[in-house]
C-alpha atoms as a PDB file:
ATOM      1  CA  MET A   1       0.000   0.000   0.000  1.00  0.00           C
ATOM      2  CA  GLN A   2       2.951   2.290   0.571  1.00  0.00           C
ATOM      3  CA  GLN A   3       3.851   2.023  -3.116  1.00  0.00           C
ATOM      4  CA  PHE A   4       0.276   2.936  -4.056  1.00  0.00           C
ATOM      5  CA  GLU A   5       0.343   5.983  -1.794  1.00  0.00           C
ATOM      6  CA  GLU A   6       3.704   7.066  -3.198  1.00  0.00           C
ATOM      7  CA  THR A   7       2.298   6.769  -6.727  1.00  0.00           C
ATOM      8  CA  LEU A   8      -0.679   8.919  -5.726  1.00  0.00           C
ATOM      9  CA  HIS A   9       1.692  11.443  -4.171  1.00  0.00           C
ATOM     10  CA  GLN A  10       3.811  11.676  -7.308  1.00  0.00           C
ATOM     11  CA  ASP A  11       0.801  11.951  -9.606  1.00  0.00           C
ATOM     12  CA  LEU A  12      -0.909  14.675  -7.585  1.00  0.00           C
ATOM     13  CA  HIS A  13       2.337  16.560  -7.060  1.00  0.00           C
ATOM     14  CA  GLN A  14       3.165  16.556 -10.772  1.00  0.00           C
ATOM     15  CA  PHE A  15      -0.367  17.570 -11.710  1.00  0.00           C
ATOM     16  CA  LEU A  16      -0.468  20.420  -9.187  1.00  0.00           C
ATOM     17  CA  LEU A  17       3.041  21.482 -10.196  1.00  0.00           C
ATOM     18  CA  SER A  18       1.923  21.671 -13.836  1.00  0.00           C
ATOM     19  CA  MET A  19      -0.978  23.884 -12.723  1.00  0.00           C
ATOM     20  CA  GLN A  20       1.489  26.042 -10.709  1.00  0.00           C
ATOM     21  CA  GLU A  21      -0.496  25.297  -7.546  1.00  0.00           C
ATOM     22  CA  VAL A  22       2.492  23.901  -5.616  1.00  0.00           C
ATOM     23  CA  ASP A  23       6.244  24.308  -5.730  1.00  0.00           C
ATOM     24  CA  GLU A  24       8.728  21.611  -6.710  1.00  0.00           C
ATOM     25  CA  ARG A  25       9.589  21.206  -3.054  1.00  0.00           C
ATOM     26  CA  LEU A  26       6.445  20.755  -1.001  1.00  0.00           C
ATOM     27  CA  PRO A  27       6.075  22.721   2.232  1.00  0.00           C
ATOM     28  CA  GLU A  28       6.650  21.113   5.599  1.00  0.00           C
ATOM     29  CA  CYS A  29       4.093  22.005   8.229  1.00  0.00           C
ATOM     30  CA  PRO A  30       4.187  19.537  11.136  1.00  0.00           C
ATOM     31  CA  ASP A  31       1.260  21.197  12.920  1.00  0.00           C
ATOM     32  CA  VAL A  32      -1.038  20.539   9.952  1.00  0.00           C
ATOM     33  CA  GLU A  33       0.401  17.072   9.341  1.00  0.00           C
ATOM     34  CA  ASP A  34      -0.080  16.158  13.009  1.00  0.00           C
ATOM     35  CA  LYS A  35      -3.837  16.787  12.702  1.00  0.00           C
ATOM     36  CA  TRP A  36      -4.183  14.195   9.921  1.00  0.00           C
ATOM     37  CA  GLU A  37      -4.808  11.126  12.053  1.00  0.00           C
ATOM     38  CA  ASP A  38      -7.520  12.700  14.212  1.00  0.00           C
ATOM     39  CA  ILE A  39      -9.204  14.245  11.179  1.00  0.00           C
ATOM     40  CA  ALA A  40      -9.089  10.953   9.275  1.00  0.00           C
ATOM     41  CA  LYS A  41     -10.629   8.991  12.150  1.00  0.00           C
ATOM     42  CA  ALA A  42     -13.470  11.485  12.382  1.00  0.00           C
ATOM     43  CA  TYR A  43     -13.967  11.792   8.609  1.00  0.00           C
ATOM     44  CA  ILE A  44     -13.817   8.163   7.504  1.00  0.00           C
ATOM     45  CA  PRO A  45     -17.333   7.121   8.644  1.00  0.00           C
ATOM     46  CA  ASP A  46     -18.865   9.981   6.622  1.00  0.00           C
ATOM     47  CA  GLY A  47     -16.488   9.564   3.703  1.00  0.00           C
ATOM     48  CA  ILE A  48     -17.046   5.820   3.346  1.00  0.00           C
ATOM     49  CA  ARG A  49     -20.820   6.235   3.558  1.00  0.00           C
ATOM     50  CA  GLU A  50     -20.722   8.734   0.668  1.00  0.00           C
ATOM     51  CA  PHE A  51     -18.061   7.016  -1.451  1.00  0.00           C
ATOM     52  CA  GLN A  52     -20.270   4.647  -3.441  1.00  0.00           C
ATOM     53  CA  ASP A  53     -22.683   7.302  -4.693  1.00  0.00           C
ATOM     54  CA  PHE A  54     -20.405  10.345  -4.587  1.00  0.00           C
ATOM     55  CA  PRO A  55     -16.769   9.242  -4.863  1.00  0.00           C
ATOM     56  CA  SER A  56     -15.468  12.624  -6.030  1.00  0.00           C
ATOM     57  CA  ALA A  57     -17.054  14.379  -3.060  1.00  0.00           C
ATOM     58  CA  SER A  58     -15.887  11.703  -0.635  1.00  0.00           C
ATOM     59  CA  LEU A  59     -12.332  12.179  -1.862  1.00  0.00           C
ATOM     60  CA  GLY A  60     -12.351  15.869  -2.715  1.00  0.00           C
ATOM     61  CA  TRP A  61     -13.727  16.995   0.627  1.00  0.00           C
ATOM     62  CA  MET A  62     -10.488  15.835   2.224  1.00  0.00           C
ATOM     63  CA  MET A  63      -8.491  18.140  -0.019  1.00  0.00           C
ATOM     64  CA  TYR A  64     -10.699  21.025   1.107  1.00  0.00           C
ATOM     65  CA  ILE A  65     -10.123  19.976   4.715  1.00  0.00           C
ATOM     66  CA  GLY A  66      -6.347  20.070   4.173  1.00  0.00           C
ATOM     67  CA  MET A  67      -6.679  23.566   2.736  1.00  0.00           C
ATOM     68  CA  ALA A  68      -8.848  24.697   5.634  1.00  0.00           C
ATOM     69  CA  VAL A  69      -6.447  23.359   8.257  1.00  0.00           C
ATOM     70  CA  ALA A  70      -3.528  25.118   6.535  1.00  0.00           C
ATOM     71  CA  GLN A  71      -5.543  28.347   6.520  1.00  0.00           C
ATOM     72  CA  MET A  72      -6.393  27.914  10.207  1.00  0.00           C
ATOM     73  CA  TRP A  73      -2.730  27.254  10.956  1.00  0.00           C
ATOM     74  CA  ASP A  74      -1.722  30.474   9.252  1.00  0.00           C
ATOM     75  CA  LYS A  75      -4.386  32.692  10.801  1.00  0.00           C
ATOM     76  CA  GLU A  76      -5.271  31.558  14.331  1.00  0.00           C
ATOM     77  CA  TRP A  77      -3.569  28.274  15.128  1.00  0.00           C
ATOM     78  CA  ASP A  78      -3.450  29.073  18.840  1.00  0.00           C
ATOM     79  CA  ILE A  79      -7.266  28.803  18.779  1.00  0.00           C
ATOM     80  CA  TYR A  80      -7.846  26.066  16.175  1.00  0.00           C
ATOM     81  CA  SER A  81      -5.118  23.757  17.476  1.00  0.00           C
ATOM     82  CA  LYS A  82      -7.189  23.352  20.638  1.00  0.00           C
ATOM     83  CA  VAL A  83     -10.397  22.298  18.829  1.00  0.00           C
ATOM     84  CA  ASP A  84     -10.929  18.632  19.731  1.00  0.00           C
ATOM     85  CA  ASP A  85     -12.435  17.591  16.391  1.00  0.00           C
ATOM     86  CA  LEU A  86     -11.576  19.974  13.558  1.00  0.00           C
ATOM     87  CA  TYR A  87     -13.452  17.850  11.026  1.00  0.00           C
ATOM     88  CA  ALA A  88     -16.702  17.927  13.030  1.00  0.00           C
ATOM     89  CA  TYR A  89     -16.168  21.630  13.659  1.00  0.00           C
ATOM     90  CA  MET A  90     -16.095  22.265   9.906  1.00  0.00           C
ATOM     91  CA  ARG A  91     -18.753  19.720   8.924  1.00  0.00           C
ATOM     92  CA  ASP A  92     -21.248  20.954  11.467  1.00  0.00           C
ATOM     93  CA  LYS A  93     -21.181  24.516  10.142  1.00  0.00           C
ATOM     94  CA  ARG A  94     -23.343  23.575   7.110  1.00  0.00           C
ATOM     95  CA  GLY A  95     -23.419  19.779   7.041  1.00  0.00           C
ATOM     96  CA  TYR A  96     -21.361  17.229   5.134  1.00  0.00           C
ATOM     97  CA  ASP A  97     -22.910  17.976   1.743  1.00  0.00           C
ATOM     98  CA  ALA A  98     -21.935  21.650   1.898  1.00  0.00           C
ATOM     99  CA  LEU A  99     -18.478  21.193   3.422  1.00  0.00           C
ATOM    100  CA  ASP A 100     -16.825  22.290   0.179  1.00  0.00           C
ATOM    101  CA  GLU A 101     -18.851  25.486   0.043  1.00  0.00           C
ATOM    102  CA  TYR A 102     -18.178  26.235   3.708  1.00  0.00           C
ATOM    103  CA  VAL A 103     -14.414  25.908   3.206  1.00  0.00           C
ATOM    104  CA  ARG A 104     -14.328  27.973   0.003  1.00  0.00           C
ATOM    105  CA  GLU A 105     -16.636  30.726   1.273  1.00  0.00           C
ATOM    106  CA  ASP A 106     -16.097  30.975   5.030  1.00  0.00           C
ATOM    107  CA  VAL A 107     -12.578  29.673   5.571  1.00  0.00           C
ATOM    108  CA  LEU A 108     -10.751  30.608   2.365  1.00  0.00           C
ATOM    109  CA  LEU A 109     -13.018  33.609   1.683  1.00  0.00           C
ATOM    110  CA  LEU A 110     -13.279  32.915  -2.058  1.00  0.00           C
ATOM    111  CA  LYS A 111     -15.862  34.325  -4.455  1.00  0.00           C
ATOM    112  CA  ASP A 112     -16.606  34.309  -8.153  1.00  0.00           C
ATOM    113  CA  THR A 113     -13.766  33.082 -10.400  1.00  0.00           C
ATOM    114  CA  PRO A 114     -11.333  31.936  -7.667  1.00  0.00           C
ATOM    115  CA  TYR A 115     -14.209  30.009  -6.042  1.00  0.00           C
ATOM    116  CA  ALA A 116     -15.049  28.245  -9.317  1.00  0.00           C
ATOM    117  CA  LEU A 117     -11.416  27.591 -10.207  1.00  0.00           C
ATOM    118  CA  LEU A 118     -10.756  25.926  -6.862  1.00  0.00           C
ATOM    119  CA  GLU A 119     -13.851  23.768  -7.277  1.00  0.00           C
ATOM    120  CA  LYS A 120     -12.531  22.639 -10.669  1.00  0.00           C
ATOM    121  CA  LEU A 121      -9.025  21.985  -9.308  1.00  0.00           C
ATOM    122  CA  VAL A 122     -10.252  19.887  -6.385  1.00  0.00           C
ATOM    123  CA  GLY A 123     -12.647  18.032  -8.670  1.00  0.00           C
ATOM    124  CA  GLU A 124      -9.793  17.143 -11.016  1.00  0.00           C
ATOM    125  CA  CYS A 125      -7.599  15.936  -8.143  1.00  0.00           C
ATOM    126  CA  ALA A 126     -10.436  13.824  -6.733  1.00  0.00           C
ATOM    127  CA  SER A 127     -11.112  12.388 -10.188  1.00  0.00           C
ATOM    128  CA  ARG A 128      -7.441  11.475 -10.651  1.00  0.00           C
ATOM    129  CA  ILE A 129      -7.418   9.681  -7.304  1.00  0.00           C
ATOM    130  CA  TYR A 130     -10.689   7.871  -8.020  1.00  0.00           C
ATOM    131  CA  ASN A 131      -9.354   6.657 -11.376  1.00  0.00           C
ATOM    132  CA  ALA A 132      -6.174   5.448  -9.665  1.00  0.00           C
ATOM    133  CA  LEU A 133      -8.291   3.539  -7.151  1.00  0.00           C
ATOM    134  CA  LEU A 134     -10.316   1.920  -9.944  1.00  0.00           C
ATOM    135  CA  ARG A 135      -7.135   0.864 -11.758  1.00  0.00           C
ATOM    136  CA  GLN A 136      -6.060  -1.067  -8.663  1.00  0.00           C
ATOM    137  CA  ASN A 137      -8.920  -3.554  -9.178  1.00  0.00           C
ATOM    138  CA  ILE A 138      -9.351  -3.922  -5.423  1.00  0.00           C
ATOM    139  CA  GLU A 139     -12.367  -5.830  -4.190  1.00  0.00           C
ATOM    140  CA  PRO A 140     -14.768  -3.386  -2.478  1.00  0.00           C
ATOM    141  CA  GLY A 141     -15.318  -3.865   1.244  1.00  0.00           C
ATOM    142  CA  THR A 142     -11.935  -5.467   1.878  1.00  0.00           C
ATOM    143  CA  LYS A 143      -9.168  -4.345   4.194  1.00  0.00           C
ATOM    144  CA  GLU A 144      -7.092  -3.570   1.109  1.00  0.00           C
ATOM    145  CA  ALA A 145      -9.880  -1.314  -0.239  1.00  0.00           C
ATOM    146  CA  PHE A 146     -10.091   0.483   3.100  1.00  0.00           C
ATOM    147  CA  ASN A 147      -6.321   1.013   3.220  1.00  0.00           C
ATOM    148  CA  ALA A 148      -6.279   2.301  -0.370  1.00  0.00           C
ATOM    149  CA  TYR A 149      -9.085   4.736   0.487  1.00  0.00           C
ATOM    150  CA  VAL A 150      -7.237   6.014   3.562  1.00  0.00           C
ATOM    151  CA  SER A 151      -4.021   6.401   1.540  1.00  0.00           C
ATOM    152  CA  SER A 152      -5.968   8.393  -1.037  1.00  0.00           C
ATOM    153  CA  LEU A 153      -7.457  10.664   1.606  1.00  0.00           C
ATOM    154  CA  HIS A 154      -4.039  11.187   3.162  1.00  0.00           C
ATOM    155  CA  GLN A 155      -2.498  12.406  -0.072  1.00  0.00           C
ATOM    156  CA  LEU A 156      -5.461  14.673  -0.821  1.00  0.00           C
ATOM    157  CA  TYR A 157      -5.200  16.187   2.666  1.00  0.00           C
ATOM    158  CA  LEU A 158      -1.463  16.823   2.304  1.00  0.00           C
ATOM    159  CA  MET A 159      -1.803  18.264  -1.198  1.00  0.00           C
ATOM    160  CA  GLY A 160      -4.693  20.461  -0.101  1.00  0.00           C
ATOM    161  CA  ALA A 161      -2.504  21.850   2.667  1.00  0.00           C
ATOM    162  CA  ALA A 162       0.391  22.340   0.228  1.00  0.00           C
ATOM    163  CA  VAL A 163      -1.813  24.228  -2.243  1.00  0.00           C
ATOM    164  CA  GLN A 164      -3.131  26.527   0.454  1.00  0.00           C
ATOM    165  CA  LEU A 165       0.278  27.144   1.996  1.00  0.00           C
ATOM    166  CA  LYS A 166       1.592  28.212  -1.409  1.00  0.00           C
ATOM    167  CA  ARG A 167      -1.415  30.492  -1.857  1.00  0.00           C
ATOM    168  CA  LEU A 168      -0.579  32.020   1.518  1.00  0.00           C
ATOM    169  CA  GLY A 169       2.961  32.743   0.325  1.00  0.00           C
ATOM    170  CA  TYR A 170       4.906  29.897   1.908  1.00  0.00           C
ATOM    171  CA  HIS A 171       7.584  28.549  -0.407  1.00  0.00           C
ATOM    172  CA  MET A 172      10.154  25.854   0.264  1.00  0.00           C
ATOM    173  CA  THR A 173      13.460  26.495  -1.443  1.00  0.00           C
ATOM    174  CA  LYS A 174      16.870  24.924  -1.092  1.00  0.00           C
ATOM    175  CA  MET A 175      19.270  26.970   1.008  1.00  0.00           C
END
């Protein structure tokens, strides 16, 4: 599964690099990365429930969550780092189905063209991941399918954070 996750990482990184949404060297933000496990545990029951009928949403929402956590880290981490369940905090603002809109409008403060462009970008990333999952020919409902789903969410979360950190002006360069 580690090889699968690395392949997802490389694919998303190259795609986002080609769109100039991330730098060659991805940012390191341990505070955001450290929230992954708690967010994943809280998100997975909702994400799995939605995956069969809405795979792009189930996957893409995690990229939005990564972006939101990066934004929170940049603006008021001393407050948000103390929130017990950041996923529930975000989801409960408007509900699971509108999580994407909540993040774009209320967290990232996007409107009009930037709002639509981000929706398209996240949709493309989610679609790429979904296609990669389908190519694995993994039997649904198995431990392997679960692990592949979690690996997919992990990479979307990290890339979402990387995209937002770049948008906030953080760049990793060799010294």
